Amino acid sequence: CQKLGKKPETFTFLGFTHYCSQSRNGRFRV
């Protein structure tokens, strides 16, 4: 998605919206 210049999709489960992100050192995080 970053290569295409758009944000990844999100989904909601048990009242929380889950989204793709990263930690302070750049590692992938949900």
PDB file of all heavy atoms in Angstrom:
ATOM      1  N   CYS A   1       0.827  -1.207   0.000  1.00  0.00           N
ATOM      2  CA  CYS A   1       0.000   0.000   0.000  1.00  0.00           C
ATOM      3  C   CYS A   1       0.864   1.261   0.000  1.00  0.00           C
ATOM      4  O   CYS A   1       0.519   2.264  -0.635  1.00  0.00           O
ATOM      5  CB  CYS A   1      -0.928  -0.002   1.211  1.00  0.00           C
ATOM      6  SG  CYS A   1      -2.301  -1.172   1.078  1.00  0.00           S
ATOM      7  N   GLN A   2       1.979   1.217   0.703  1.00  0.00           N
ATOM      8  CA  GLN A   2       2.884   2.360   0.722  1.00  0.00           C
ATOM      9  C   GLN A   2       3.440   2.638  -0.672  1.00  0.00           C
ATOM     10  O   GLN A   2       3.581   3.788  -1.085  1.00  0.00           O
ATOM     11  CB  GLN A   2       4.021   2.114   1.713  1.00  0.00           C
ATOM     12  CG  GLN A   2       3.601   2.269   3.172  1.00  0.00           C
ATOM     13  CD  GLN A   2       4.722   1.954   4.141  1.00  0.00           C
ATOM     14  OE1 GLN A   2       5.662   1.223   3.824  1.00  0.00           O
ATOM     15  NE2 GLN A   2       4.626   2.495   5.349  1.00  0.00           N
ATOM     16  N   LYS A   3       3.753   1.575  -1.418  1.00  0.00           N
ATOM     17  CA  LYS A   3       4.251   1.745  -2.781  1.00  0.00           C
ATOM     18  C   LYS A   3       3.191   2.374  -3.677  1.00  0.00           C
ATOM     19  O   LYS A   3       3.507   3.132  -4.596  1.00  0.00           O
ATOM     20  CB  LYS A   3       4.672   0.389  -3.349  1.00  0.00           C
ATOM     21  CG  LYS A   3       5.952  -0.167  -2.745  1.00  0.00           C
ATOM     22  CD  LYS A   3       6.317  -1.493  -3.385  1.00  0.00           C
ATOM     23  CE  LYS A   3       7.598  -2.059  -2.756  1.00  0.00           C
ATOM     24  NZ  LYS A   3       7.945  -3.385  -3.344  1.00  0.00           N
ATOM     25  N   LEU A   4       1.921   2.030  -3.408  1.00  0.00           N
ATOM     26  CA  LEU A   4       0.819   2.572  -4.215  1.00  0.00           C
ATOM     27  C   LEU A   4       0.327   3.919  -3.702  1.00  0.00           C
ATOM     28  O   LEU A   4      -0.582   4.518  -4.284  1.00  0.00           O
ATOM     29  CB  LEU A   4      -0.348   1.573  -4.231  1.00  0.00           C
ATOM     30  CG  LEU A   4      -0.064   0.218  -4.883  1.00  0.00           C
ATOM     31  CD1 LEU A   4      -1.227  -0.738  -4.658  1.00  0.00           C
ATOM     32  CD2 LEU A   4       0.188   0.389  -6.378  1.00  0.00           C
ATOM     33  N   GLY A   5       0.908   4.361  -2.586  1.00  0.00           N
ATOM     34  CA  GLY A   5       0.540   5.656  -2.028  1.00  0.00           C
ATOM     35  C   GLY A   5      -0.815   5.691  -1.350  1.00  0.00           C
ATOM     36  O   GLY A   5      -1.500   6.714  -1.346  1.00  0.00           O
ATOM     37  N   LYS A   6      -1.224   4.573  -0.774  1.00  0.00           N
ATOM     38  CA  LYS A   6      -2.501   4.532  -0.065  1.00  0.00           C
ATOM     39  C   LYS A   6      -2.331   3.829   1.273  1.00  0.00           C
ATOM     40  O   LYS A   6      -1.324   3.165   1.528  1.00  0.00           O
ATOM     41  CB  LYS A   6      -3.568   3.823  -0.899  1.00  0.00           C
ATOM     42  CG  LYS A   6      -3.259   2.364  -1.192  1.00  0.00           C
ATOM     43  CD  LYS A   6      -4.388   1.725  -1.992  1.00  0.00           C
ATOM     44  CE  LYS A   6      -4.130   0.225  -2.189  1.00  0.00           C
ATOM     45  NZ  LYS A   6      -5.231  -0.424  -2.946  1.00  0.00           N
ATOM     46  N   LYS A   7      -3.326   3.982   2.126  1.00  0.00           N
ATOM     47  CA  LYS A   7      -3.274   3.370   3.446  1.00  0.00           C
ATOM     48  C   LYS A   7      -3.832   1.950   3.404  1.00  0.00           C
ATOM     49  O   LYS A   7      -4.793   1.676   2.667  1.00  0.00           O
ATOM     50  CB  LYS A   7      -4.082   4.196   4.451  1.00  0.00           C
ATOM     51  CG  LYS A   7      -3.453   5.522   4.827  1.00  0.00           C
ATOM     52  CD  LYS A   7      -4.271   6.205   5.901  1.00  0.00           C
ATOM     53  CE  LYS A   7      -3.615   7.510   6.352  1.00  0.00           C
ATOM     54  NZ  LYS A   7      -4.405   8.174   7.427  1.00  0.00           N
ATOM     55  N   PRO A   8      -3.281   1.030   4.212  1.00  0.00           N
ATOM     56  CA  PRO A   8      -3.851  -0.325   4.296  1.00  0.00           C
ATOM     57  C   PRO A   8      -5.246  -0.271   4.920  1.00  0.00           C
ATOM     58  O   PRO A   8      -5.561   0.642   5.694  1.00  0.00           O
ATOM     59  CB  PRO A   8      -2.873  -1.067   5.215  1.00  0.00           C
ATOM     60  CG  PRO A   8      -1.650  -0.231   5.279  1.00  0.00           C
ATOM     61  CD  PRO A   8      -2.087   1.179   5.051  1.00  0.00           C
ATOM     62  N   GLU A   9      -6.070  -1.237   4.579  1.00  0.00           N
ATOM     63  CA  GLU A   9      -7.417  -1.293   5.148  1.00  0.00           C
ATOM     64  C   GLU A   9      -7.359  -1.664   6.626  1.00  0.00           C
ATOM     65  O   GLU A   9      -6.364  -2.214   7.116  1.00  0.00           O
ATOM     66  CB  GLU A   9      -8.268  -2.316   4.399  1.00  0.00           C
ATOM     67  CG  GLU A   9      -8.627  -1.884   2.988  1.00  0.00           C
ATOM     68  CD  GLU A   9      -9.666  -2.793   2.369  1.00  0.00           C
ATOM     69  OE1 GLU A   9     -10.869  -2.612   2.661  1.00  0.00           O
ATOM     70  OE2 GLU A   9      -9.267  -3.701   1.604  1.00  0.00           O
ATOM     71  N   THR A  10      -8.423  -1.375   7.329  1.00  0.00           N
ATOM     72  CA  THR A  10      -8.555  -1.712   8.747  1.00  0.00           C
ATOM     73  C   THR A  10      -9.771  -2.610   8.935  1.00  0.00           C
ATOM     74  O   THR A  10     -10.606  -2.744   8.039  1.00  0.00           O
ATOM     75  CB  THR A  10      -8.723  -0.449   9.600  1.00  0.00           C
ATOM     76  OG1 THR A  10      -9.981   0.191   9.260  1.00  0.00           O
ATOM     77  CG2 THR A  10      -7.585   0.542   9.367  1.00  0.00           C
ATOM     78  N   PHE A  11      -9.880  -3.223  10.112  1.00  0.00           N
ATOM     79  CA  PHE A  11     -11.078  -3.990  10.438  1.00  0.00           C
ATOM     80  C   PHE A  11     -11.372  -3.840  11.929  1.00  0.00           C
ATOM     81  O   PHE A  11     -10.487  -3.503  12.719  1.00  0.00           O
ATOM     82  CB  PHE A  11     -10.928  -5.468  10.066  1.00  0.00           C
ATOM     83  CG  PHE A  11      -9.930  -6.223  10.898  1.00  0.00           C
ATOM     84  CD1 PHE A  11     -10.326  -6.954  12.011  1.00  0.00           C
ATOM     85  CD2 PHE A  11      -8.576  -6.217  10.567  1.00  0.00           C
ATOM     86  CE1 PHE A  11      -9.406  -7.655  12.785  1.00  0.00           C
ATOM     87  CE2 PHE A  11      -7.649  -6.919  11.323  1.00  0.00           C
ATOM     88  CZ  PHE A  11      -8.066  -7.637  12.434  1.00  0.00           C
ATOM     89  N   THR A  12     -12.614  -4.064  12.286  1.00  0.00           N
ATOM     90  CA  THR A  12     -13.056  -3.895  13.669  1.00  0.00           C
ATOM     91  C   THR A  12     -13.440  -5.245  14.259  1.00  0.00           C
ATOM     92  O   THR A  12     -14.153  -6.036  13.630  1.00  0.00           O
ATOM     93  CB  THR A  12     -14.248  -2.929  13.746  1.00  0.00           C
ATOM     94  OG1 THR A  12     -13.846  -1.656  13.241  1.00  0.00           O
ATOM     95  CG2 THR A  12     -14.722  -2.759  15.184  1.00  0.00           C
ATOM     96  N   PHE A  13     -12.948  -5.492  15.472  1.00  0.00           N
ATOM     97  CA  PHE A  13     -13.240  -6.743  16.177  1.00  0.00           C
ATOM     98  C   PHE A  13     -13.320  -6.445  17.668  1.00  0.00           C
ATOM     99  O   PHE A  13     -12.410  -5.843  18.236  1.00  0.00           O
ATOM    100  CB  PHE A  13     -12.143  -7.774  15.882  1.00  0.00           C
ATOM    101  CG  PHE A  13     -12.350  -9.121  16.525  1.00  0.00           C
ATOM    102  CD1 PHE A  13     -13.458  -9.890  16.236  1.00  0.00           C
ATOM    103  CD2 PHE A  13     -11.412  -9.632  17.420  1.00  0.00           C
ATOM    104  CE1 PHE A  13     -13.641 -11.142  16.818  1.00  0.00           C
ATOM    105  CE2 PHE A  13     -11.581 -10.878  18.004  1.00  0.00           C
ATOM    106  CZ  PHE A  13     -12.701 -11.633  17.699  1.00  0.00           C
ATOM    107  N   LEU A  14     -14.442  -6.808  18.286  1.00  0.00           N
ATOM    108  CA  LEU A  14     -14.671  -6.643  19.725  1.00  0.00           C
ATOM    109  C   LEU A  14     -14.531  -5.184  20.179  1.00  0.00           C
ATOM    110  O   LEU A  14     -14.016  -4.899  21.257  1.00  0.00           O
ATOM    111  CB  LEU A  14     -13.724  -7.546  20.524  1.00  0.00           C
ATOM    112  CG  LEU A  14     -13.881  -9.051  20.272  1.00  0.00           C
ATOM    113  CD1 LEU A  14     -12.893  -9.841  21.114  1.00  0.00           C
ATOM    114  CD2 LEU A  14     -15.309  -9.504  20.564  1.00  0.00           C
ATOM    115  N   GLY A  15     -14.993  -4.267  19.336  1.00  0.00           N
ATOM    116  CA  GLY A  15     -15.017  -2.856  19.723  1.00  0.00           C
ATOM    117  C   GLY A  15     -13.739  -2.097  19.440  1.00  0.00           C
ATOM    118  O   GLY A  15     -13.642  -0.907  19.747  1.00  0.00           O
ATOM    119  N   PHE A  16     -12.740  -2.767  18.844  1.00  0.00           N
ATOM    120  CA  PHE A  16     -11.469  -2.126  18.518  1.00  0.00           C
ATOM    121  C   PHE A  16     -11.244  -2.149  17.002  1.00  0.00           C
ATOM    122  O   PHE A  16     -11.481  -3.167  16.352  1.00  0.00           O
ATOM    123  CB  PHE A  16     -10.298  -2.851  19.189  1.00  0.00           C
ATOM    124  CG  PHE A  16     -10.295  -2.750  20.684  1.00  0.00           C
ATOM    125  CD1 PHE A  16     -10.900  -3.730  21.457  1.00  0.00           C
ATOM    126  CD2 PHE A  16      -9.688  -1.681  21.329  1.00  0.00           C
ATOM    127  CE1 PHE A  16     -10.902  -3.647  22.849  1.00  0.00           C
ATOM    128  CE2 PHE A  16      -9.685  -1.589  22.719  1.00  0.00           C
ATOM    129  CZ  PHE A  16     -10.291  -2.571  23.477  1.00  0.00           C
ATOM    130  N   THR A  17     -10.777  -1.026  16.475  1.00  0.00           N
ATOM    131  CA  THR A  17     -10.357  -0.972  15.082  1.00  0.00           C
ATOM    132  C   THR A  17      -8.873  -1.321  15.023  1.00  0.00           C
ATOM    133  O   THR A  17      -8.045  -0.664  15.658  1.00  0.00           O
ATOM    134  CB  THR A  17     -10.585   0.430  14.491  1.00  0.00           C
ATOM    135  OG1 THR A  17     -11.982   0.712  14.503  1.00  0.00           O
ATOM    136  CG2 THR A  17     -10.069   0.507  13.058  1.00  0.00           C
ATOM    137  N   HIS A  18      -8.543  -2.362  14.265  1.00  0.00           N
ATOM    138  CA  HIS A  18      -7.163  -2.839  14.152  1.00  0.00           C
ATOM    139  C   HIS A  18      -6.556  -2.272  12.870  1.00  0.00           C
ATOM    140  O   HIS A  18      -7.178  -2.343  11.804  1.00  0.00           O
ATOM    141  CB  HIS A  18      -7.139  -4.369  14.132  1.00  0.00           C
ATOM    142  CG  HIS A  18      -7.750  -4.983  15.352  1.00  0.00           C
ATOM    143  ND1 HIS A  18      -7.004  -5.551  16.353  1.00  0.00           N
ATOM    144  CD2 HIS A  18      -9.050  -5.106  15.738  1.00  0.00           C
ATOM    145  CE1 HIS A  18      -7.804  -6.004  17.298  1.00  0.00           C
ATOM    146  NE2 HIS A  18      -9.055  -5.742  16.948  1.00  0.00           N
ATOM    147  N   TYR A  19      -5.334  -1.755  12.965  1.00  0.00           N
ATOM    148  CA  TYR A  19      -4.707  -1.132  11.798  1.00  0.00           C
ATOM    149  C   TYR A  19      -3.207  -1.422  11.774  1.00  0.00           C
ATOM    150  O   TYR A  19      -2.581  -1.674  12.812  1.00  0.00           O
ATOM    151  CB  TYR A  19      -4.962   0.375  11.788  1.00  0.00           C
ATOM    152  CG  TYR A  19      -4.427   1.140  12.982  1.00  0.00           C
ATOM    153  CD1 TYR A  19      -3.194   1.791  12.923  1.00  0.00           C
ATOM    154  CD2 TYR A  19      -5.163   1.227  14.167  1.00  0.00           C
ATOM    155  CE1 TYR A  19      -2.699   2.495  14.010  1.00  0.00           C
ATOM    156  CE2 TYR A  19      -4.679   1.927  15.263  1.00  0.00           C
ATOM    157  CZ  TYR A  19      -3.453   2.568  15.172  1.00  0.00           C
ATOM    158  OH  TYR A  19      -2.959   3.260  16.258  1.00  0.00           O
ATOM    159  N   CYS A  20      -2.640  -1.387  10.571  1.00  0.00           N
ATOM    160  CA  CYS A  20      -1.206  -1.641  10.391  1.00  0.00           C
ATOM    161  C   CYS A  20      -0.406  -0.395  10.778  1.00  0.00           C
ATOM    162  O   CYS A  20      -0.757   0.722  10.390  1.00  0.00           O
ATOM    163  CB  CYS A  20      -0.908  -2.000   8.938  1.00  0.00           C
ATOM    164  SG  CYS A  20      -1.680  -3.521   8.376  1.00  0.00           S
ATOM    165  N   SER A  21       0.668  -0.617  11.530  1.00  0.00           N
ATOM    166  CA  SER A  21       1.512   0.497  11.946  1.00  0.00           C
ATOM    167  C   SER A  21       2.937  -0.018  12.114  1.00  0.00           C
ATOM    168  O   SER A  21       3.294  -1.065  11.559  1.00  0.00           O
ATOM    169  CB  SER A  21       0.964   1.103  13.247  1.00  0.00           C
ATOM    170  OG  SER A  21       1.686   2.262  13.606  1.00  0.00           O
ATOM    171  N   GLN A  22       3.731   0.703  12.894  1.00  0.00           N
ATOM    172  CA  GLN A  22       5.098   0.269  13.149  1.00  0.00           C
ATOM    173  C   GLN A  22       5.547   0.753  14.514  1.00  0.00           C
ATOM    174  O   GLN A  22       4.981   1.691  15.085  1.00  0.00           O
ATOM    175  CB  GLN A  22       6.046   0.777  12.065  1.00  0.00           C
ATOM    176  CG  GLN A  22       6.140   2.288  11.977  1.00  0.00           C
ATOM    177  CD  GLN A  22       7.014   2.735  10.809  1.00  0.00           C
ATOM    178  OE1 GLN A  22       7.071   2.067   9.777  1.00  0.00           O
ATOM    179  NE2 GLN A  22       7.690   3.863  10.974  1.00  0.00           N
ATOM    180  N   SER A  23       6.577   0.089  15.051  1.00  0.00           N
ATOM    181  CA  SER A  23       7.138   0.468  16.346  1.00  0.00           C
ATOM    182  C   SER A  23       8.095   1.643  16.157  1.00  0.00           C
ATOM    183  O   SER A  23       8.349   2.089  15.030  1.00  0.00           O
ATOM    184  CB  SER A  23       7.881  -0.720  16.959  1.00  0.00           C
ATOM    185  OG  SER A  23       8.985  -1.076  16.145  1.00  0.00           O
ATOM    186  N   ARG A  24       8.648   2.121  17.248  1.00  0.00           N
ATOM    187  CA  ARG A  24       9.567   3.261  17.176  1.00  0.00           C
ATOM    188  C   ARG A  24      10.817   2.945  16.364  1.00  0.00           C
ATOM    189  O   ARG A  24      11.414   3.848  15.765  1.00  0.00           O
ATOM    190  CB  ARG A  24       9.961   3.689  18.591  1.00  0.00           C
ATOM    191  CG  ARG A  24       8.811   4.304  19.375  1.00  0.00           C
ATOM    192  CD  ARG A  24       9.235   4.640  20.793  1.00  0.00           C
ATOM    193  NE  ARG A  24       8.115   5.194  21.563  1.00  0.00           N
ATOM    194  CZ  ARG A  24       8.184   5.494  22.855  1.00  0.00           C
ATOM    195  NH1 ARG A  24       9.321   5.295  23.529  1.00  0.00           N
ATOM    196  NH2 ARG A  24       7.132   5.984  23.474  1.00  0.00           N
ATOM    197  N   ASN A  25      11.218   1.680  16.364  1.00  0.00           N
ATOM    198  CA  ASN A  25      12.412   1.318  15.590  1.00  0.00           C
ATOM    199  C   ASN A  25      12.079   0.832  14.183  1.00  0.00           C
ATOM    200  O   ASN A  25      12.935   0.274  13.485  1.00  0.00           O
ATOM    201  CB  ASN A  25      13.235   0.255  16.332  1.00  0.00           C
ATOM    202  CG  ASN A  25      12.436  -1.015  16.596  1.00  0.00           C
ATOM    203  OD1 ASN A  25      11.352  -1.193  16.032  1.00  0.00           O
ATOM    204  ND2 ASN A  25      12.954  -1.893  17.441  1.00  0.00           N
ATOM    205  N   GLY A  26      10.836   1.052  13.764  1.00  0.00           N
ATOM    206  CA  GLY A  26      10.453   0.754  12.383  1.00  0.00           C
ATOM    207  C   GLY A  26       9.934  -0.639  12.115  1.00  0.00           C
ATOM    208  O   GLY A  26       9.606  -0.967  10.972  1.00  0.00           O
ATOM    209  N   ARG A  27       9.817  -1.470  13.135  1.00  0.00           N
ATOM    210  CA  ARG A  27       9.296  -2.832  12.944  1.00  0.00           C
ATOM    211  C   ARG A  27       7.786  -2.798  12.756  1.00  0.00           C
ATOM    212  O   ARG A  27       7.086  -1.960  13.325  1.00  0.00           O
ATOM    213  CB  ARG A  27       9.642  -3.703  14.142  1.00  0.00           C
ATOM    214  CG  ARG A  27      11.108  -4.098  14.225  1.00  0.00           C
ATOM    215  CD  ARG A  27      11.381  -4.854  15.519  1.00  0.00           C
ATOM    216  NE  ARG A  27      10.461  -5.963  15.701  1.00  0.00           N
ATOM    217  CZ  ARG A  27      10.244  -6.551  16.877  1.00  0.00           C
ATOM    218  NH1 ARG A  27      10.852  -6.120  17.973  1.00  0.00           N
ATOM    219  NH2 ARG A  27       9.413  -7.563  16.962  1.00  0.00           N
ATOM    220  N   PHE A  28       7.281  -3.763  11.975  1.00  0.00           N
ATOM    221  CA  PHE A  28       5.841  -3.851  11.743  1.00  0.00           C
ATOM    222  C   PHE A  28       5.100  -4.126  13.045  1.00  0.00           C
ATOM    223  O   PHE A  28       5.494  -4.981  13.830  1.00  0.00           O
ATOM    224  CB  PHE A  28       5.531  -4.967  10.735  1.00  0.00           C
ATOM    225  CG  PHE A  28       4.061  -5.246  10.580  1.00  0.00           C
ATOM    226  CD1 PHE A  28       3.237  -4.377   9.887  1.00  0.00           C
ATOM    227  CD2 PHE A  28       3.486  -6.377  11.153  1.00  0.00           C
ATOM    228  CE1 PHE A  28       1.879  -4.630   9.750  1.00  0.00           C
ATOM    229  CE2 PHE A  28       2.136  -6.644  11.029  1.00  0.00           C
ATOM    230  CZ  PHE A  28       1.329  -5.764  10.324  1.00  0.00           C
ATOM    231  N   ARG A  29       4.021  -3.400  13.248  1.00  0.00           N
ATOM    232  CA  ARG A  29       3.165  -3.592  14.425  1.00  0.00           C
ATOM    233  C   ARG A  29       1.705  -3.480  14.010  1.00  0.00           C
ATOM    234  O   ARG A  29       1.370  -2.725  13.098  1.00  0.00           O
ATOM    235  CB  ARG A  29       3.438  -2.507  15.472  1.00  0.00           C
ATOM    236  CG  ARG A  29       4.705  -2.669  16.290  1.00  0.00           C
ATOM    237  CD  ARG A  29       4.478  -3.559  17.500  1.00  0.00           C
ATOM    238  NE  ARG A  29       3.245  -3.250  18.198  1.00  0.00           N
ATOM    239  CZ  ARG A  29       3.083  -2.214  19.047  1.00  0.00           C
ATOM    240  NH1 ARG A  29       4.094  -1.410  19.311  1.00  0.00           N
ATOM    241  NH2 ARG A  29       1.928  -2.023  19.650  1.00  0.00           N
ATOM    242  N   VAL A  30       0.863  -4.228  14.671  1.00  0.00           N
ATOM    243  CA  VAL A  30      -0.587  -4.033  14.559  1.00  0.00           C
ATOM    244  C   VAL A  30      -1.026  -3.285  15.802  1.00  0.00           C
ATOM    245  O   VAL A  30      -0.736  -3.711  16.924  1.00  0.00           O
ATOM    246  CB  VAL A  30      -1.335  -5.378  14.450  1.00  0.00           C
ATOM    247  CG1 VAL A  30      -2.844  -5.148  14.485  1.00  0.00           C
ATOM    248  CG2 VAL A  30      -0.942  -6.102  13.174  1.00  0.00           C
TER     249      VAL A  30
END
